[in-house]
Amino acid sequence: DTYVQVRSFLRGRFTLSRDTVKNTVILEATNLKPEDTATYYCAAGREY
């Protein structure tokens, strides 16, 4: 959790955080728009 990068066109609406106790990563999205309609996937890479 040393660095978080959010795509520039989503900044201000999307945030990413971790809950280390629950072993979870959370994506919060606000002011959602129709163009945000999609299937959202999470993925992980070791020591990435």
All heavy atoms as atom14 arrays in JSON, in Angstrom:
{
  "sequence": "DTYVQVRSFLRGRFTLSRDTVKNTVILEATNLKPEDTATYYCAAGREY",
  "atom14_mask": [
    [1, 1, 1, 1, 1, 1, 1, 1, 0, 0, 0, 0, 0, 0],
    [1, 1, 1, 1, 1, 1, 1, 0, 0, 0, 0, 0, 0, 0],
    [1, 1, 1, 1, 1, 1, 1, 1, 1, 1, 1, 1, 0, 0],
    [1, 1, 1, 1, 1, 1, 1, 0, 0, 0, 0, 0, 0, 0],
    [1, 1, 1, 1, 1, 1, 1, 1, 1, 0, 0, 0, 0, 0],
    [1, 1, 1, 1, 1, 1, 1, 0, 0, 0, 0, 0, 0, 0],
    [1, 1, 1, 1, 1, 1, 1, 1, 1, 1, 1, 0, 0, 0],
    [1, 1, 1, 1, 1, 1, 0, 0, 0, 0, 0, 0, 0, 0],
    [1, 1, 1, 1, 1, 1, 1, 1, 1, 1, 1, 0, 0, 0],
    [1, 1, 1, 1, 1, 1, 1, 1, 0, 0, 0, 0, 0, 0],
    [1, 1, 1, 1, 1, 1, 1, 1, 1, 1, 1, 0, 0, 0],
    [1, 1, 1, 1, 0, 0, 0, 0, 0, 0, 0, 0, 0, 0],
    [1, 1, 1, 1, 1, 1, 1, 1, 1, 1, 1, 0, 0, 0],
    [1, 1, 1, 1, 1, 1, 1, 1, 1, 1, 1, 0, 0, 0],
    [1, 1, 1, 1, 1, 1, 1, 0, 0, 0, 0, 0, 0, 0],
    [1, 1, 1, 1, 1, 1, 1, 1, 0, 0, 0, 0, 0, 0],
    [1, 1, 1, 1, 1, 1, 0, 0, 0, 0, 0, 0, 0, 0],
    [1, 1, 1, 1, 1, 1, 1, 1, 1, 1, 1, 0, 0, 0],
    [1, 1, 1, 1, 1, 1, 1, 1, 0, 0, 0, 0, 0, 0],
    [1, 1, 1, 1, 1, 1, 1, 0, 0, 0, 0, 0, 0, 0],
    [1, 1, 1, 1, 1, 1, 1, 0, 0, 0, 0, 0, 0, 0],
    [1, 1, 1, 1, 1, 1, 1, 1, 1, 0, 0, 0, 0, 0],
    [1, 1, 1, 1, 1, 1, 1, 1, 0, 0, 0, 0, 0, 0],
    [1, 1, 1, 1, 1, 1, 1, 0, 0, 0, 0, 0, 0, 0],
    [1, 1, 1, 1, 1, 1, 1, 0, 0, 0, 0, 0, 0, 0],
    [1, 1, 1, 1, 1, 1, 1, 1, 0, 0, 0, 0, 0, 0],
    [1, 1, 1, 1, 1, 1, 1, 1, 0, 0, 0, 0, 0, 0],
    [1, 1, 1, 1, 1, 1, 1, 1, 1, 0, 0, 0, 0, 0],
    [1, 1, 1, 1, 1, 0, 0, 0, 0, 0, 0, 0, 0, 0],
    [1, 1, 1, 1, 1, 1, 1, 0, 0, 0, 0, 0, 0, 0],
    [1, 1, 1, 1, 1, 1, 1, 1, 0, 0, 0, 0, 0, 0],
    [1, 1, 1, 1, 1, 1, 1, 1, 0, 0, 0, 0, 0, 0],
    [1, 1, 1, 1, 1, 1, 1, 1, 1, 0, 0, 0, 0, 0],
    [1, 1, 1, 1, 1, 1, 1, 0, 0, 0, 0, 0, 0, 0],
    [1, 1, 1, 1, 1, 1, 1, 1, 1, 0, 0, 0, 0, 0],
    [1, 1, 1, 1, 1, 1, 1, 1, 0, 0, 0, 0, 0, 0],
    [1, 1, 1, 1, 1, 1, 1, 0, 0, 0, 0, 0, 0, 0],
    [1, 1, 1, 1, 1, 0, 0, 0, 0, 0, 0, 0, 0, 0],
    [1, 1, 1, 1, 1, 1, 1, 0, 0, 0, 0, 0, 0, 0],
    [1, 1, 1, 1, 1, 1, 1, 1, 1, 1, 1, 1, 0, 0],
    [1, 1, 1, 1, 1, 1, 1, 1, 1, 1, 1, 1, 0, 0],
    [1, 1, 1, 1, 1, 1, 0, 0, 0, 0, 0, 0, 0, 0],
    [1, 1, 1, 1, 1, 0, 0, 0, 0, 0, 0, 0, 0, 0],
    [1, 1, 1, 1, 1, 0, 0, 0, 0, 0, 0, 0, 0, 0],
    [1, 1, 1, 1, 0, 0, 0, 0, 0, 0, 0, 0, 0, 0],
    [1, 1, 1, 1, 1, 1, 1, 1, 1, 1, 1, 0, 0, 0],
    [1, 1, 1, 1, 1, 1, 1, 1, 1, 0, 0, 0, 0, 0],
    [1, 1, 1, 1, 1, 1, 1, 1, 1, 1, 1, 1, 0, 0]
  ],
  "atom14_positions": [
    [[0.83, -1.22, 0.0], [0.0, 0.0, 0.0], [0.86, 1.25, 0.0], [0.54, 2.25, 0.67], [-0.94, 0.0, 1.21], [-2.12, 0.94, 1.04], [-2.42, 1.32, -0.1], [-2.74, 1.31, 2.08], [0.0, 0.0, 0.0], [0.0, 0.0, 0.0], [0.0, 0.0, 0.0], [0.0, 0.0, 0.0], [0.0, 0.0, 0.0], [0.0, 0.0, 0.0]],
    [[1.96, 1.21, -0.74], [2.89, 2.33, -0.74], [2.54, 3.4, -1.76], [3.02, 4.52, -1.67], [4.31, 1.82, -1.04], [4.29, 1.07, -2.26], [4.81, 0.93, 0.1], [0.0, 0.0, 0.0], [0.0, 0.0, 0.0], [0.0, 0.0, 0.0], [0.0, 0.0, 0.0], [0.0, 0.0, 0.0], [0.0, 0.0, 0.0], [0.0, 0.0, 0.0]],
    [[1.68, 3.05, -2.73], [1.37, 4.01, -3.78], [0.05, 3.61, -4.42], [-0.19, 2.43, -4.68], [2.48, 4.01, -4.84], [2.27, 4.97, -5.97], [2.29, 6.35, -5.74], [2.06, 4.53, -7.27], [2.11, 7.24, -6.79], [1.87, 5.4, -8.31], [1.9, 6.76, -8.07], [1.71, 7.64, -9.11], [0.0, 0.0, 0.0], [0.0, 0.0, 0.0]],
    [[-0.79, 4.58, -4.66], [-2.07, 4.34, -5.32], [-2.17, 5.23, -6.54], [-1.91, 6.44, -6.46], [-3.25, 4.61, -4.36], [-4.57, 4.48, -5.11], [-3.22, 3.64, -3.18], [0.0, 0.0, 0.0], [0.0, 0.0, 0.0], [0.0, 0.0, 0.0], [0.0, 0.0, 0.0], [0.0, 0.0, 0.0], [0.0, 0.0, 0.0], [0.0, 0.0, 0.0]],
    [[-2.53, 4.61, -7.64], [-2.68, 5.36, -8.88], [-4.11, 5.2, -9.37], [-4.6, 4.09, -9.56], [-1.71, 4.82, -9.94], [-1.94, 5.33, -11.35], [-1.56, 6.79, -11.52], [-1.11, 7.43, -10.59], [-1.76, 7.33, -12.69], [0.0, 0.0, 0.0], [0.0, 0.0, 0.0], [0.0, 0.0, 0.0], [0.0, 0.0, 0.0], [0.0, 0.0, 0.0]],
    [[-4.81, 6.31, -9.55], [-6.15, 6.3, -10.13], [-6.06, 6.99, -11.49], [-5.41, 8.04, -11.61], [-7.16, 7.05, -9.22], [-8.53, 7.1, -9.87], [-7.24, 6.37, -7.86], [0.0, 0.0, 0.0], [0.0, 0.0, 0.0], [0.0, 0.0, 0.0], [0.0, 0.0, 0.0], [0.0, 0.0, 0.0], [0.0, 0.0, 0.0], [0.0, 0.0, 0.0]],
    [[-6.65, 6.41, -12.49], [-6.64, 7.01, -13.82], [-7.09, 8.46, -13.74], [-8.06, 8.81, -13.04], [-7.53, 6.23, -14.78], [-7.11, 4.8, -15.02], [-5.81, 4.67, -15.79], [-5.87, 5.32, -17.09], [-6.44, 4.8, -18.17], [-7.01, 3.6, -18.11], [-6.42, 5.45, -19.3], [0.0, 0.0, 0.0], [0.0, 0.0, 0.0], [0.0, 0.0, 0.0]],
    [[-6.4, 9.29, -14.47], [-6.61, 10.73, -14.33], [-8.05, 11.14, -14.6], [-8.59, 12.03, -13.94], [-5.65, 11.49, -15.25], [-5.86, 11.11, -16.6], [0.0, 0.0, 0.0], [0.0, 0.0, 0.0], [0.0, 0.0, 0.0], [0.0, 0.0, 0.0], [0.0, 0.0, 0.0], [0.0, 0.0, 0.0], [0.0, 0.0, 0.0], [0.0, 0.0, 0.0]],
    [[-8.7, 10.48, -15.56], [-10.05, 10.89, -15.92], [-11.09, 10.42, -14.89], [-12.26, 10.77, -14.97], [-10.43, 10.38, -17.32], [-10.49, 8.88, -17.45], [-11.69, 8.21, -17.29], [-9.35, 8.16, -17.75], [-11.74, 6.83, -17.43], [-9.4, 6.78, -17.89], [-10.59, 6.13, -17.73], [0.0, 0.0, 0.0], [0.0, 0.0, 0.0], [0.0, 0.0, 0.0]],
    [[-10.64, 9.62, -13.9], [-11.55, 9.15, -12.85], [-11.25, 9.79, -11.5], [-12.01, 9.59, -10.54], [-11.44, 7.63, -12.72], [-11.88, 6.83, -13.94], [-11.58, 5.35, -13.72], [-13.35, 7.04, -14.23], [0.0, 0.0, 0.0], [0.0, 0.0, 0.0], [0.0, 0.0, 0.0], [0.0, 0.0, 0.0], [0.0, 0.0, 0.0], [0.0, 0.0, 0.0]],
    [[-10.17, 10.52, -11.41], [-9.83, 11.14, -10.12], [-10.89, 12.13, -9.7], [-11.47, 12.83, -10.5], [-8.47, 11.83, -10.23], [-7.32, 10.86, -10.3], [-6.01, 11.58, -10.53], [-4.99, 10.65, -11.01], [-3.91, 11.01, -11.65], [-3.67, 12.28, -11.87], [-3.05, 10.1, -12.05], [0.0, 0.0, 0.0], [0.0, 0.0, 0.0], [0.0, 0.0, 0.0]],
    [[-11.12, 12.15, -8.43], [-12.19, 12.99, -7.9], [-13.5, 12.24, -7.77], [-14.39, 12.67, -7.03], [0.0, 0.0, 0.0], [0.0, 0.0, 0.0], [0.0, 0.0, 0.0], [0.0, 0.0, 0.0], [0.0, 0.0, 0.0], [0.0, 0.0, 0.0], [0.0, 0.0, 0.0], [0.0, 0.0, 0.0], [0.0, 0.0, 0.0], [0.0, 0.0, 0.0]],
    [[-13.63, 11.12, -8.49], [-14.84, 10.31, -8.38], [-14.54, 8.9, -7.87], [-15.38, 8.3, -7.19], [-15.55, 10.19, -9.74], [-16.03, 11.51, -10.32], [-17.05, 11.29, -11.43], [-16.49, 10.54, -12.54], [-17.01, 9.39, -12.97], [-18.04, 8.83, -12.36], [-16.47, 8.78, -14.02], [0.0, 0.0, 0.0], [0.0, 0.0, 0.0], [0.0, 0.0, 0.0]],
    [[-13.37, 8.37, -8.18], [-13.0, 7.0, -7.79], [-11.84, 7.06, -6.8], [-10.89, 7.81, -7.0], [-12.57, 6.18, -9.0], [-13.72, 5.71, -9.87], [-14.62, 6.6, -10.41], [-13.87, 4.36, -10.14], [-15.66, 6.16, -11.21], [-14.91, 3.91, -10.94], [-15.81, 4.82, -11.48], [0.0, 0.0, 0.0], [0.0, 0.0, 0.0], [0.0, 0.0, 0.0]],
    [[-11.93, 6.27, -5.75], [-10.83, 6.13, -4.8], [-10.6, 4.65, -4.51], [-11.53, 3.83, -4.59], [-11.11, 6.87, -3.48], [-12.31, 6.35, -2.89], [-11.26, 8.36, -3.7], [0.0, 0.0, 0.0], [0.0, 0.0, 0.0], [0.0, 0.0, 0.0], [0.0, 0.0, 0.0], [0.0, 0.0, 0.0], [0.0, 0.0, 0.0], [0.0, 0.0, 0.0]],
    [[-9.34, 4.34, -4.17], [-8.94, 2.97, -3.91], [-8.29, 2.9, -2.54], [-7.45, 3.74, -2.2], [-7.94, 2.52, -4.99], [-7.48, 1.07, -4.97], [-8.65, 0.14, -5.23], [-6.4, 0.86, -6.02], [0.0, 0.0, 0.0], [0.0, 0.0, 0.0], [0.0, 0.0, 0.0], [0.0, 0.0, 0.0], [0.0, 0.0, 0.0], [0.0, 0.0, 0.0]],
    [[-8.69, 1.91, -1.77], [-8.11, 1.77, -0.43], [-8.03, 0.3, -0.06], [-8.63, -0.55, -0.72], [-8.95, 2.53, 0.6], [-10.27, 2.0, 0.66], [0.0, 0.0, 0.0], [0.0, 0.0, 0.0], [0.0, 0.0, 0.0], [0.0, 0.0, 0.0], [0.0, 0.0, 0.0], [0.0, 0.0, 0.0], [0.0, 0.0, 0.0], [0.0, 0.0, 0.0]],
    [[-7.28, 0.03, 1.0], [-7.13, -1.34, 1.48], [-7.65, -1.46, 2.91], [-7.5, -0.53, 3.7], [-5.66, -1.76, 1.47], [-5.05, -1.92, 0.1], [-3.61, -2.37, 0.23], [-2.92, -2.46, -1.05], [-2.51, -3.61, -1.59], [-2.73, -4.75, -0.96], [-1.89, -3.61, -2.76], [0.0, 0.0, 0.0], [0.0, 0.0, 0.0], [0.0, 0.0, 0.0]],
    [[-8.21, -2.61, 3.19], [-8.55, -2.98, 4.57], [-7.69, -4.21, 4.88], [-8.03, -5.33, 4.51], [-10.04, -3.31, 4.68], [-10.47, -3.57, 6.12], [-9.63, -4.04, 6.92], [-11.64, -3.33, 6.44], [0.0, 0.0, 0.0], [0.0, 0.0, 0.0], [0.0, 0.0, 0.0], [0.0, 0.0, 0.0], [0.0, 0.0, 0.0], [0.0, 0.0, 0.0]],
    [[-6.57, -3.97, 5.53], [-5.62, -5.06, 5.75], [-6.15, -6.09, 6.73], [-5.78, -7.27, 6.65], [-4.28, -4.51, 6.25], [-4.51, -3.74, 7.44], [-3.64, -3.61, 5.21], [0.0, 0.0, 0.0], [0.0, 0.0, 0.0], [0.0, 0.0, 0.0], [0.0, 0.0, 0.0], [0.0, 0.0, 0.0], [0.0, 0.0, 0.0], [0.0, 0.0, 0.0]],
    [[-7.03, -5.69, 7.62], [-7.61, -6.64, 8.58], [-8.5, -7.63, 7.85], [-8.47, -8.84, 8.1], [-8.39, -5.9, 9.68], [-9.11, -6.9, 10.58], [-7.46, -5.01, 10.48], [0.0, 0.0, 0.0], [0.0, 0.0, 0.0], [0.0, 0.0, 0.0], [0.0, 0.0, 0.0], [0.0, 0.0, 0.0], [0.0, 0.0, 0.0], [0.0, 0.0, 0.0]],
    [[-9.29, -7.12, 6.91], [-10.21, -7.98, 6.16], [-9.58, -8.58, 4.9], [-10.24, -9.35, 4.2], [-11.46, -7.18, 5.79], [-12.28, -6.74, 6.99], [-13.55, -6.01, 6.55], [-14.39, -5.61, 7.76], [-15.62, -4.88, 7.35], [0.0, 0.0, 0.0], [0.0, 0.0, 0.0], [0.0, 0.0, 0.0], [0.0, 0.0, 0.0], [0.0, 0.0, 0.0]],
    [[-8.33, -8.2, 4.62], [-7.66, -8.71, 3.42], [-8.45, -8.36, 2.16], [-8.72, -9.2, 1.29], [-7.44, -10.23, 3.51], [-6.2, -10.7, 2.78], [-5.24, -9.94, 2.61], [-6.22, -11.94, 2.33], [0.0, 0.0, 0.0], [0.0, 0.0, 0.0], [0.0, 0.0, 0.0], [0.0, 0.0, 0.0], [0.0, 0.0, 0.0], [0.0, 0.0, 0.0]],
    [[-8.81, -7.09, 2.08], [-9.73, -6.61, 1.05], [-9.2, -5.31, 0.45], [-8.58, -4.5, 1.15], [-11.11, -6.36, 1.67], [-11.67, -7.61, 2.1], [-12.06, -5.72, 0.68], [0.0, 0.0, 0.0], [0.0, 0.0, 0.0], [0.0, 0.0, 0.0], [0.0, 0.0, 0.0], [0.0, 0.0, 0.0], [0.0, 0.0, 0.0], [0.0, 0.0, 0.0]],
    [[-9.49, -5.13, -0.83], [-9.22, -3.84, -1.48], [-10.57, -3.28, -1.93], [-11.39, -4.01, -2.49], [-8.27, -3.99, -2.67], [-8.16, -2.69, -3.44], [-6.88, -4.42, -2.18], [0.0, 0.0, 0.0], [0.0, 0.0, 0.0], [0.0, 0.0, 0.0], [0.0, 0.0, 0.0], [0.0, 0.0, 0.0], [0.0, 0.0, 0.0], [0.0, 0.0, 0.0]],
    [[-10.77, -2.01, -1.68], [-12.06, -1.37, -1.91], [-11.94, -0.28, -2.96], [-11.04, 0.55, -2.9], [-12.6, -0.78, -0.6], [-12.81, -1.9, 0.42], [-13.9, -0.03, -0.85], [-12.89, -1.41, 1.84], [0.0, 0.0, 0.0], [0.0, 0.0, 0.0], [0.0, 0.0, 0.0], [0.0, 0.0, 0.0], [0.0, 0.0, 0.0], [0.0, 0.0, 0.0]],
    [[-12.85, -0.31, -3.91], [-12.96, 0.75, -4.91], [-14.27, 1.48, -4.65], [-15.34, 0.88, -4.73], [-12.95, 0.17, -6.32], [-13.05, 1.18, -7.45], [-11.76, 1.99, -7.56], [-13.34, 0.48, -8.78], [0.0, 0.0, 0.0], [0.0, 0.0, 0.0], [0.0, 0.0, 0.0], [0.0, 0.0, 0.0], [0.0, 0.0, 0.0], [0.0, 0.0, 0.0]],
    [[-14.18, 2.73, -4.32], [-15.36, 3.55, -4.09], [-15.55, 4.49, -5.26], [-14.59, 5.16, -5.68], [-15.26, 4.31, -2.78], [-15.22, 3.37, -1.56], [-15.4, 4.1, -0.25], [-16.56, 4.29, 0.19], [-14.38, 4.47, 0.35], [0.0, 0.0, 0.0], [0.0, 0.0, 0.0], [0.0, 0.0, 0.0], [0.0, 0.0, 0.0], [0.0, 0.0, 0.0]],
    [[-16.75, 4.55, -5.75], [-17.06, 5.37, -6.91], [-18.26, 6.25, -6.59], [-19.28, 5.77, -6.1], [-17.38, 4.49, -8.12], [0.0, 0.0, 0.0], [0.0, 0.0, 0.0], [0.0, 0.0, 0.0], [0.0, 0.0, 0.0], [0.0, 0.0, 0.0], [0.0, 0.0, 0.0], [0.0, 0.0, 0.0], [0.0, 0.0, 0.0], [0.0, 0.0, 0.0]],
    [[-18.11, 7.53, -6.85], [-19.18, 8.49, -6.59], [-19.54, 9.22, -7.88], [-18.81, 9.17, -8.87], [-18.75, 9.5, -5.52], [-17.62, 10.23, -6.0], [-18.39, 8.8, -4.22], [0.0, 0.0, 0.0], [0.0, 0.0, 0.0], [0.0, 0.0, 0.0], [0.0, 0.0, 0.0], [0.0, 0.0, 0.0], [0.0, 0.0, 0.0], [0.0, 0.0, 0.0]],
    [[-20.66, 9.93, -7.84], [-21.13, 10.69, -9.0], [-21.05, 9.84, -10.28], [-20.51, 10.27, -11.29], [-20.31, 11.98, -9.16], [-20.9, 12.92, -10.18], [-22.09, 12.86, -10.47], [-20.07, 13.79, -10.71], [0.0, 0.0, 0.0], [0.0, 0.0, 0.0], [0.0, 0.0, 0.0], [0.0, 0.0, 0.0], [0.0, 0.0, 0.0], [0.0, 0.0, 0.0]],
    [[-21.57, 8.65, -10.18], [-21.47, 7.7, -11.28], [-22.25, 8.17, -12.5], [-23.29, 8.82, -12.38], [-21.95, 6.32, -10.84], [-20.96, 5.59, -9.93], [-21.64, 4.5, -9.13], [-19.82, 5.04, -10.76], [0.0, 0.0, 0.0], [0.0, 0.0, 0.0], [0.0, 0.0, 0.0], [0.0, 0.0, 0.0], [0.0, 0.0, 0.0], [0.0, 0.0, 0.0]],
    [[-21.71, 7.83, -13.67], [-22.28, 8.25, -14.94], [-22.61, 7.02, -15.78], [-22.02, 5.95, -15.59], [-21.27, 9.12, -15.69], [-20.79, 10.31, -14.88], [-19.7, 11.07, -15.6], [-19.19, 12.24, -14.76], [-18.15, 13.01, -15.46], [0.0, 0.0, 0.0], [0.0, 0.0, 0.0], [0.0, 0.0, 0.0], [0.0, 0.0, 0.0], [0.0, 0.0, 0.0]],
    [[-23.5, 7.14, -16.73], [-23.83, 5.97, -17.58], [-22.6, 5.35, -18.24], [-22.55, 4.12, -18.42], [-24.79, 6.57, -18.61], [-25.47, 7.68, -17.88], [-24.41, 8.28, -17.0], [0.0, 0.0, 0.0], [0.0, 0.0, 0.0], [0.0, 0.0, 0.0], [0.0, 0.0, 0.0], [0.0, 0.0, 0.0], [0.0, 0.0, 0.0], [0.0, 0.0, 0.0]],
    [[-21.61, 6.17, -18.56], [-20.4, 5.62, -19.2], [-19.54, 4.82, -18.24], [-18.55, 4.21, -18.66], [-19.57, 6.75, -19.84], [-19.24, 7.89, -18.92], [-20.2, 9.07, -19.08], [-21.43, 8.82, -19.22], [-19.72, 10.22, -19.02], [0.0, 0.0, 0.0], [0.0, 0.0, 0.0], [0.0, 0.0, 0.0], [0.0, 0.0, 0.0], [0.0, 0.0, 0.0]],
    [[-19.87, 4.81, -16.96], [-19.18, 3.95, -16.01], [-19.75, 2.53, -16.01], [-19.2, 1.65, -15.32], [-19.29, 4.52, -14.58], [-18.56, 5.85, -14.43], [-17.43, 5.97, -14.95], [-19.11, 6.75, -13.77], [0.0, 0.0, 0.0], [0.0, 0.0, 0.0], [0.0, 0.0, 0.0], [0.0, 0.0, 0.0], [0.0, 0.0, 0.0], [0.0, 0.0, 0.0]],
    [[-20.81, 2.31, -16.75], [-21.4, 0.97, -16.84], [-20.38, -0.01, -17.43], [-19.83, 0.22, -18.5], [-22.65, 1.0, -17.71], [-23.66, 1.79, -17.06], [-23.18, -0.4, -17.96], [0.0, 0.0, 0.0], [0.0, 0.0, 0.0], [0.0, 0.0, 0.0], [0.0, 0.0, 0.0], [0.0, 0.0, 0.0], [0.0, 0.0, 0.0], [0.0, 0.0, 0.0]],
    [[-20.12, -1.08, -16.69], [-19.11, -2.06, -17.12], [-19.09, -3.2, -16.1], [-19.67, -3.1, -15.01], [-17.73, -1.42, -17.19], [0.0, 0.0, 0.0], [0.0, 0.0, 0.0], [0.0, 0.0, 0.0], [0.0, 0.0, 0.0], [0.0, 0.0, 0.0], [0.0, 0.0, 0.0], [0.0, 0.0, 0.0], [0.0, 0.0, 0.0], [0.0, 0.0, 0.0]],
    [[-18.39, -4.25, -16.47], [-18.03, -5.26, -15.48], [-16.68, -4.88, -14.9], [-15.74, -4.61, -15.64], [-17.96, -6.66, -16.11], [-19.24, -7.0, -16.63], [-17.54, -7.7, -15.08], [0.0, 0.0, 0.0], [0.0, 0.0, 0.0], [0.0, 0.0, 0.0], [0.0, 0.0, 0.0], [0.0, 0.0, 0.0], [0.0, 0.0, 0.0], [0.0, 0.0, 0.0]],
    [[-16.63, -4.83, -13.58], [-15.42, -4.41, -12.88], [-14.71, -5.65, -12.31], [-15.33, -6.49, -11.66], [-15.77, -3.45, -11.76], [-16.12, -2.06, -12.27], [-17.31, -1.83, -12.97], [-15.25, -0.99, -12.06], [-17.62, -0.57, -13.46], [-15.56, 0.28, -12.54], [-16.74, 0.47, -13.24], [-17.04, 1.73, -13.72], [0.0, 0.0, 0.0], [0.0, 0.0, 0.0]],
    [[-13.42, -5.7, -12.58], [-12.6, -6.83, -12.14], [-11.47, -6.34, -11.24], [-10.9, -5.28, -11.49], [-11.95, -7.51, -13.35], [-12.9, -8.05, -14.39], [-13.35, -7.24, -15.43], [-13.34, -9.37, -14.33], [-14.21, -7.73, -16.39], [-14.21, -9.87, -15.29], [-14.63, -9.03, -16.31], [-15.5, -9.53, -17.27], [0.0, 0.0, 0.0], [0.0, 0.0, 0.0]],
    [[-11.14, -7.14, -10.24], [-9.91, -6.88, -9.51], [-8.9, -7.97, -9.85], [-9.27, -9.1, -10.23], [-10.14, -6.78, -8.0], [-10.56, -8.31, -7.17], [0.0, 0.0, 0.0], [0.0, 0.0, 0.0], [0.0, 0.0, 0.0], [0.0, 0.0, 0.0], [0.0, 0.0, 0.0], [0.0, 0.0, 0.0], [0.0, 0.0, 0.0], [0.0, 0.0, 0.0]],
    [[-7.64, -7.6, -9.73], [-6.56, -8.52, -10.06], [-5.37, -8.18, -9.17], [-5.25, -7.06, -8.67], [-6.18, -8.41, -11.53], [0.0, 0.0, 0.0], [0.0, 0.0, 0.0], [0.0, 0.0, 0.0], [0.0, 0.0, 0.0], [0.0, 0.0, 0.0], [0.0, 0.0, 0.0], [0.0, 0.0, 0.0], [0.0, 0.0, 0.0], [0.0, 0.0, 0.0]],
    [[-4.48, -9.16, -8.99], [-3.35, -8.96, -8.1], [-2.09, -9.56, -8.69], [-2.12, -10.62, -9.33], [-3.64, -9.59, -6.73], [0.0, 0.0, 0.0], [0.0, 0.0, 0.0], [0.0, 0.0, 0.0], [0.0, 0.0, 0.0], [0.0, 0.0, 0.0], [0.0, 0.0, 0.0], [0.0, 0.0, 0.0], [0.0, 0.0, 0.0], [0.0, 0.0, 0.0]],
    [[-0.99, -8.88, -8.46], [0.33, -9.35, -8.87], [1.26, -9.31, -7.69], [1.36, -8.26, -7.02], [0.0, 0.0, 0.0], [0.0, 0.0, 0.0], [0.0, 0.0, 0.0], [0.0, 0.0, 0.0], [0.0, 0.0, 0.0], [0.0, 0.0, 0.0], [0.0, 0.0, 0.0], [0.0, 0.0, 0.0], [0.0, 0.0, 0.0], [0.0, 0.0, 0.0]],
    [[1.96, -10.39, -7.42], [2.81, -10.46, -6.23], [3.97, -9.46, -6.31], [4.66, -9.37, -7.34], [3.35, -11.87, -6.03], [4.06, -12.04, -4.68], [4.24, -13.48, -4.29], [4.92, -13.61, -3.02], [4.31, -13.58, -1.84], [2.99, -13.43, -1.8], [4.99, -13.7, -0.72], [0.0, 0.0, 0.0], [0.0, 0.0, 0.0], [0.0, 0.0, 0.0]],
    [[4.12, -8.69, -5.27], [5.18, -7.7, -5.12], [5.21, -6.72, -6.3], [6.27, -6.3, -6.75], [6.54, -8.39, -4.96], [6.61, -9.22, -3.68], [7.97, -9.84, -3.45], [8.85, -9.74, -4.33], [8.17, -10.43, -2.38], [0.0, 0.0, 0.0], [0.0, 0.0, 0.0], [0.0, 0.0, 0.0], [0.0, 0.0, 0.0], [0.0, 0.0, 0.0]],
    [[4.02, -6.37, -6.75], [3.91, -5.48, -7.9], [3.79, -4.03, -7.44], [2.97, -3.7, -6.59], [2.69, -5.85, -8.74], [2.55, -5.02, -10.0], [3.53, -5.05, -10.98], [1.43, -4.22, -10.2], [3.4, -4.29, -12.13], [1.29, -3.47, -11.35], [2.28, -3.5, -12.31], [2.16, -2.75, -13.44], [0.0, 0.0, 0.0], [0.0, 0.0, 0.0]]
  ]
}
